[in-house]
Amino acid sequence: MAYYALYVGKSATENLELGLAQGIWGFKESHEFFNKLESGDKVVLGYDVSYPVDIFGQKPPGFPRVKPGKFQGKFKKIILVQVVGDTFVEYKNQVWSDDIYPFRFNFSIIHTIESVSISLNEKPSLCEALRYSATTKGWLRPIDATDWPIEVQDIVLSAENDQPGWVYALMHPNWQEWTKIGCTIDTDARLYTYHTSVPDRSHDYISKIRVELAYDAEQQILDSMRKHCDMNQISHSHEWFKIKFDENTLAKNALNLGIEILEDN
């Protein structure tokens, strides 16, 4: 999995809204990093940057189209997305009103951060990628994994903040007969939290499904599995079950409960 960033200016607000609504982004031309995009890669969309002088000092001339080492600022939004499927070229379906933008990729939204400042000192590769994008044609550029904005942050879902996300089945190789069921918005961030609690960093996903309301779907599956375990005298503890899942078990359980699995899995 690779990490990228691109800049979206205020003049492209309508295009951004259309793209976010349909989970699609496009470019007028192909370019090096577009051709390297793969399903599962993550992209930072930096939208509408300003340069608060009280935070960053004197504004560089020509901002945001500036030389390397001069780009940082406060973004109206940072939208974090994950690439779904392969890149493609499409001339017939005009998603945006001002142009075709035929070189496209589909994505699912991981999270949106409102009004966030990004500095060169804290995230140099992200700043350089956004600068490059602002000075080209909104093209992609790779960033370091350590500059991914919420790589180590894990958003806990609940009934009060339920939203689209992932339900997952997870295991550890030392206890392969046990399976954990959980939910999250960002599966990488959630796996990171598990790895901080064990020295061998060996937790891994058996499978994961994307659903419209992740917490609700997780609770339905957990309730069903607890009842099954109690009826069949199978050991379980909170969200861990002494049942060995394969890659299809979670999806089958969800479908049996009438939970719709979104297409962007």
Protein backbone atom coordinates (compact mmCIF):
# COMPACT_ATOMS: atom_id res chain seq x y z
CA MET A 1 0.00 0.00 0.00
CA ALA A 2 1.25 3.46 -0.95
CA TYR A 3 0.32 6.94 0.29
CA TYR A 4 -0.33 10.00 -1.90
CA ALA A 5 -1.61 13.56 -1.68
CA LEU A 6 -3.20 16.05 -4.05
CA TYR A 7 -4.37 19.62 -3.72
CA VAL A 8 -7.88 20.86 -4.54
CA GLY A 9 -8.26 24.63 -4.78
CA LYS A 10 -11.31 26.66 -3.77
CA SER A 11 -12.19 27.16 -7.46
CA ALA A 12 -12.75 23.38 -7.70
CA THR A 13 -15.30 23.28 -4.87
CA GLU A 14 -18.14 22.06 -7.09
CA ASN A 15 -15.94 19.37 -8.63
CA LEU A 16 -14.84 18.21 -5.19
CA GLU A 17 -18.42 17.94 -3.96
CA LEU A 18 -19.41 15.93 -7.04
CA GLY A 19 -16.40 13.68 -6.66
CA LEU A 20 -17.00 13.05 -2.96
CA ALA A 21 -20.68 12.30 -3.55
CA GLN A 22 -19.86 9.68 -6.17
CA GLY A 23 -16.56 8.40 -4.79
CA ILE A 24 -14.57 9.27 -7.89
CA TRP A 25 -11.70 11.57 -8.85
CA GLY A 26 -10.22 12.37 -12.24
CA PHE A 27 -7.39 14.16 -14.03
CA LYS A 28 -7.22 15.81 -17.45
CA GLU A 29 -4.04 13.93 -18.28
CA SER A 30 -2.31 10.78 -17.19
CA HIS A 31 0.87 11.17 -15.16
CA GLU A 32 3.52 9.05 -13.46
CA PHE A 33 1.87 8.56 -10.11
CA PHE A 34 -1.64 8.14 -11.47
CA ASN A 35 -0.32 5.12 -13.34
CA LYS A 36 1.11 3.71 -10.11
CA LEU A 37 -2.14 3.95 -8.10
CA GLU A 38 -3.44 0.60 -6.85
CA SER A 39 -6.52 -0.52 -4.97
CA GLY A 40 -5.99 -0.01 -1.25
CA ASP A 41 -3.64 2.96 -1.65
CA LYS A 42 -4.50 6.00 0.47
CA VAL A 43 -4.79 9.58 -0.72
CA VAL A 44 -4.92 12.88 1.16
CA LEU A 45 -7.12 15.50 -0.56
CA GLY A 46 -6.04 18.88 0.77
CA TYR A 47 -8.81 21.40 0.09
CA ASP A 48 -8.61 25.23 0.04
CA VAL A 49 -5.38 26.26 1.77
CA SER A 50 -4.75 29.64 3.41
CA TYR A 51 -1.59 31.04 4.98
CA PRO A 52 -2.20 32.47 8.47
CA VAL A 53 0.75 34.78 9.14
CA ASP A 54 0.19 34.57 12.90
CA ILE A 55 1.03 30.85 12.71
CA PHE A 56 3.57 30.59 9.89
CA GLY A 57 5.06 34.06 9.60
CA GLN A 58 5.48 36.01 6.35
CA LYS A 59 3.48 34.65 3.45
CA PRO A 60 5.72 33.51 0.56
CA PRO A 61 5.10 35.29 -2.79
CA GLY A 62 2.80 33.45 -5.19
CA PHE A 63 1.35 31.18 -2.50
CA PRO A 64 0.20 28.41 -2.90
CA ARG A 65 2.29 28.04 -6.09
CA VAL A 66 5.65 28.31 -4.40
CA LYS A 67 9.09 26.74 -4.53
CA PRO A 68 9.98 23.59 -2.54
CA GLY A 69 10.35 24.20 1.16
CA LYS A 70 7.88 27.12 1.17
CA PHE A 71 4.50 25.36 1.28
CA GLN A 72 2.50 24.98 4.47
CA GLY A 73 -0.81 26.34 5.65
CA LYS A 74 -4.26 25.91 7.09
CA PHE A 75 -6.65 23.76 5.06
CA LYS A 76 -10.39 24.17 5.10
CA LYS A 77 -10.64 20.39 4.87
CA ILE A 78 -8.39 17.39 4.70
CA ILE A 79 -10.26 14.45 3.17
CA LEU A 80 -8.69 11.04 3.61
CA VAL A 81 -9.70 8.42 1.07
CA GLN A 82 -8.76 4.90 0.04
CA VAL A 83 -8.50 3.82 -3.59
CA VAL A 84 -11.06 1.18 -4.63
CA GLY A 85 -10.30 -0.93 -7.68
CA ASP A 86 -8.01 -0.17 -10.61
CA THR A 87 -7.51 3.19 -12.29
CA PHE A 88 -9.38 3.61 -15.56
CA VAL A 89 -10.00 5.93 -18.50
CA GLU A 90 -13.57 7.12 -19.21
CA TYR A 91 -14.56 9.70 -21.81
CA LYS A 92 -18.30 9.07 -22.10
CA ASN A 93 -19.54 9.65 -18.56
CA GLN A 94 -18.94 13.34 -17.74
CA VAL A 95 -19.07 13.48 -13.95
CA TRP A 96 -17.95 17.12 -13.72
CA SER A 97 -19.57 20.02 -15.59
CA ASP A 98 -16.41 21.88 -16.64
CA ASP A 99 -14.41 19.07 -18.25
CA ILE A 100 -14.17 15.30 -18.77
CA TYR A 101 -11.19 14.46 -16.51
CA PRO A 102 -10.98 10.99 -18.09
CA PHE A 103 -8.10 9.52 -16.05
CA ARG A 104 -9.95 8.35 -12.96
CA PHE A 105 -9.97 6.31 -9.79
CA ASN A 106 -12.76 5.35 -7.41
CA PHE A 107 -12.41 5.76 -3.66
CA SER A 108 -14.10 5.34 -0.32
CA ILE A 109 -13.92 8.13 2.26
CA ILE A 110 -12.07 7.23 5.46
CA HIS A 111 -12.40 10.50 7.34
CA THR A 112 -12.73 14.26 6.91
CA ILE A 113 -10.81 16.69 9.12
CA GLU A 114 -12.10 20.27 9.24
CA SER A 115 -9.84 23.33 9.53
CA VAL A 116 -6.42 21.77 10.04
CA SER A 117 -2.95 23.34 9.88
CA ILE A 118 -0.13 21.35 8.29
CA SER A 119 3.45 22.49 8.78
CA LEU A 120 6.74 21.70 7.07
CA ASN A 121 8.34 20.80 10.38
CA GLU A 122 5.74 18.19 11.26
CA LYS A 123 4.85 16.71 7.84
CA PRO A 124 7.47 17.63 5.26
CA SER A 125 6.59 15.03 2.61
CA LEU A 126 2.88 15.87 2.81
CA CYS A 127 3.60 19.59 2.42
CA GLU A 128 5.84 18.94 -0.57
CA ALA A 129 3.26 16.66 -2.22
CA LEU A 130 0.52 19.26 -1.79
CA ARG A 131 2.84 22.00 -3.08
CA TYR A 132 3.70 19.90 -6.12
CA SER A 133 0.01 19.28 -6.77
CA ALA A 134 -0.86 22.97 -6.40
CA THR A 135 1.86 23.95 -8.90
CA THR A 136 1.03 21.31 -11.51
CA LYS A 137 -2.48 20.35 -12.57
CA GLY A 138 -3.64 18.89 -9.30
CA TRP A 139 -1.54 15.80 -9.90
CA LEU A 140 -0.76 13.15 -7.32
CA ARG A 141 2.52 12.82 -5.52
CA PRO A 142 3.58 10.16 -2.98
CA ILE A 143 4.10 10.93 0.71
CA ASP A 144 5.84 9.09 3.51
CA ALA A 145 3.60 6.73 5.48
CA THR A 146 4.60 8.60 8.65
CA ASP A 147 3.01 11.77 7.23
CA TRP A 148 -0.40 10.15 6.76
CA PRO A 149 -2.59 12.42 8.92
CA ILE A 150 -4.42 9.84 11.05
CA GLU A 151 -2.22 6.78 10.71
CA VAL A 152 -2.03 6.22 14.45
CA GLN A 153 -5.41 7.66 15.39
CA ASP A 154 -8.32 5.32 15.91
CA ILE A 155 -11.85 6.71 15.89
CA VAL A 156 -14.10 4.75 18.24
CA LEU A 157 -17.60 4.25 16.86
CA SER A 158 -20.72 4.11 19.00
CA ALA A 159 -24.49 4.37 18.65
CA GLU A 160 -24.13 8.15 18.90
CA ASN A 161 -21.56 8.57 16.10
CA ASP A 162 -22.34 5.56 13.88
CA GLN A 163 -21.27 6.00 10.26
CA PRO A 164 -19.99 4.11 7.21
CA GLY A 165 -17.01 1.94 8.03
CA TRP A 166 -15.66 -1.57 8.35
CA VAL A 167 -16.65 -4.63 10.35
CA TYR A 168 -13.69 -6.96 10.62
CA ALA A 169 -12.69 -10.44 11.76
CA LEU A 170 -9.19 -10.49 13.29
CA MET A 171 -6.85 -13.16 14.61
CA HIS A 172 -3.44 -13.65 16.20
CA PRO A 173 -1.24 -16.56 15.00
CA ASN A 174 -0.63 -17.72 18.59
CA TRP A 175 -4.38 -18.23 19.09
CA GLN A 176 -5.59 -19.22 15.63
CA GLU A 177 -8.72 -20.90 16.96
CA TRP A 178 -9.99 -17.56 18.30
CA THR A 179 -11.54 -14.76 16.24
CA LYS A 180 -12.22 -11.16 17.24
CA ILE A 181 -15.08 -9.15 15.73
CA GLY A 182 -14.86 -5.36 15.69
CA CYS A 183 -15.61 -2.21 13.71
CA THR A 184 -13.66 0.87 12.65
CA ILE A 185 -13.47 3.68 10.10
CA ASP A 186 -9.79 3.09 9.30
CA THR A 187 -8.62 -0.53 9.37
CA ASP A 188 -4.94 0.48 9.28
CA ALA A 189 -5.33 2.74 12.30
CA ARG A 190 -7.19 0.03 14.21
CA LEU A 191 -4.54 -2.59 13.43
CA TYR A 192 -1.89 -0.13 14.64
CA THR A 193 -3.61 0.07 18.04
CA TYR A 194 -3.50 -3.72 18.37
CA HIS A 195 0.19 -3.74 17.46
CA THR A 196 1.05 -1.27 20.20
CA SER A 197 -0.20 -3.78 22.79
CA VAL A 198 1.87 -6.80 21.69
CA PRO A 199 5.62 -7.06 20.98
CA ASP A 200 5.41 -9.25 17.86
CA ARG A 201 2.87 -7.07 15.96
CA SER A 202 1.23 -10.21 14.61
CA HIS A 203 -2.49 -9.42 14.73
CA ASP A 204 -3.95 -9.53 11.24
CA TYR A 205 -7.32 -9.37 9.53
CA ILE A 206 -8.99 -12.56 8.37
CA SER A 207 -11.54 -10.51 6.44
CA LYS A 208 -13.36 -7.18 6.55
CA ILE A 209 -16.57 -5.83 5.04
CA ARG A 210 -17.62 -2.24 4.43
CA VAL A 211 -21.13 -1.34 5.58
CA GLU A 212 -23.32 1.73 5.89
CA LEU A 213 -23.49 1.73 9.71
CA ALA A 214 -20.44 -0.06 11.05
CA TYR A 215 -21.24 -0.01 14.77
CA ASP A 216 -24.81 -1.24 14.29
CA ALA A 217 -23.65 -4.05 11.99
CA GLU A 218 -20.94 -5.06 14.45
CA GLN A 219 -23.45 -5.21 17.32
CA GLN A 220 -25.83 -7.38 15.29
CA ILE A 221 -23.06 -9.82 14.40
CA LEU A 222 -21.73 -9.91 17.97
CA ASP A 223 -25.20 -10.58 19.39
CA SER A 224 -25.80 -13.38 16.89
CA MET A 225 -22.44 -15.00 17.61
CA ARG A 226 -22.88 -14.82 21.39
CA LYS A 227 -26.24 -16.56 21.12
CA HIS A 228 -24.71 -19.21 18.87
CA CYS A 229 -21.85 -19.81 21.29
CA ASP A 230 -24.14 -20.01 24.32
CA MET A 231 -26.43 -22.51 22.59
CA ASN A 232 -23.50 -24.69 21.51
CA GLN A 233 -21.33 -24.31 24.61
CA ILE A 234 -18.55 -22.55 22.69
CA SER A 235 -16.14 -20.37 24.63
CA HIS A 236 -16.31 -16.62 24.06
CA SER A 237 -15.19 -13.48 25.84
CA HIS A 238 -16.60 -10.05 24.99
CA GLU A 239 -15.67 -9.73 21.28
CA TRP A 240 -13.47 -12.85 21.04
CA PHE A 241 -14.95 -16.19 19.99
CA LYS A 242 -13.39 -19.65 19.93
CA ILE A 243 -14.44 -20.08 16.32
CA LYS A 244 -11.97 -20.22 13.45
CA PHE A 245 -13.15 -17.97 10.61
CA ASP A 246 -12.16 -18.24 6.98
CA GLU A 247 -12.18 -15.25 4.60
CA ASN A 248 -15.88 -15.73 3.75
CA THR A 249 -17.36 -16.40 7.21
CA LEU A 250 -17.87 -12.77 8.23
CA ALA A 251 -19.63 -11.82 4.98
CA LYS A 252 -21.89 -14.88 5.24
CA ASN A 253 -22.87 -13.96 8.81
CA ALA A 254 -23.65 -10.38 7.76
CA LEU A 255 -25.78 -11.45 4.79
CA ASN A 256 -27.69 -13.94 6.96
CA LEU A 257 -28.57 -11.06 9.27
CA GLY A 258 -29.75 -8.87 6.37
CA ILE A 259 -26.77 -6.52 6.61
CA GLU A 260 -25.99 -4.94 3.24
CA ILE A 261 -22.34 -5.06 2.24
CA LEU A 262 -21.25 -2.01 0.28
CA GLU A 263 -19.73 -2.52 -3.16
CA ASP A 264 -16.45 -0.75 -2.35
CA ASN A 265 -15.03 -3.61 -0.29
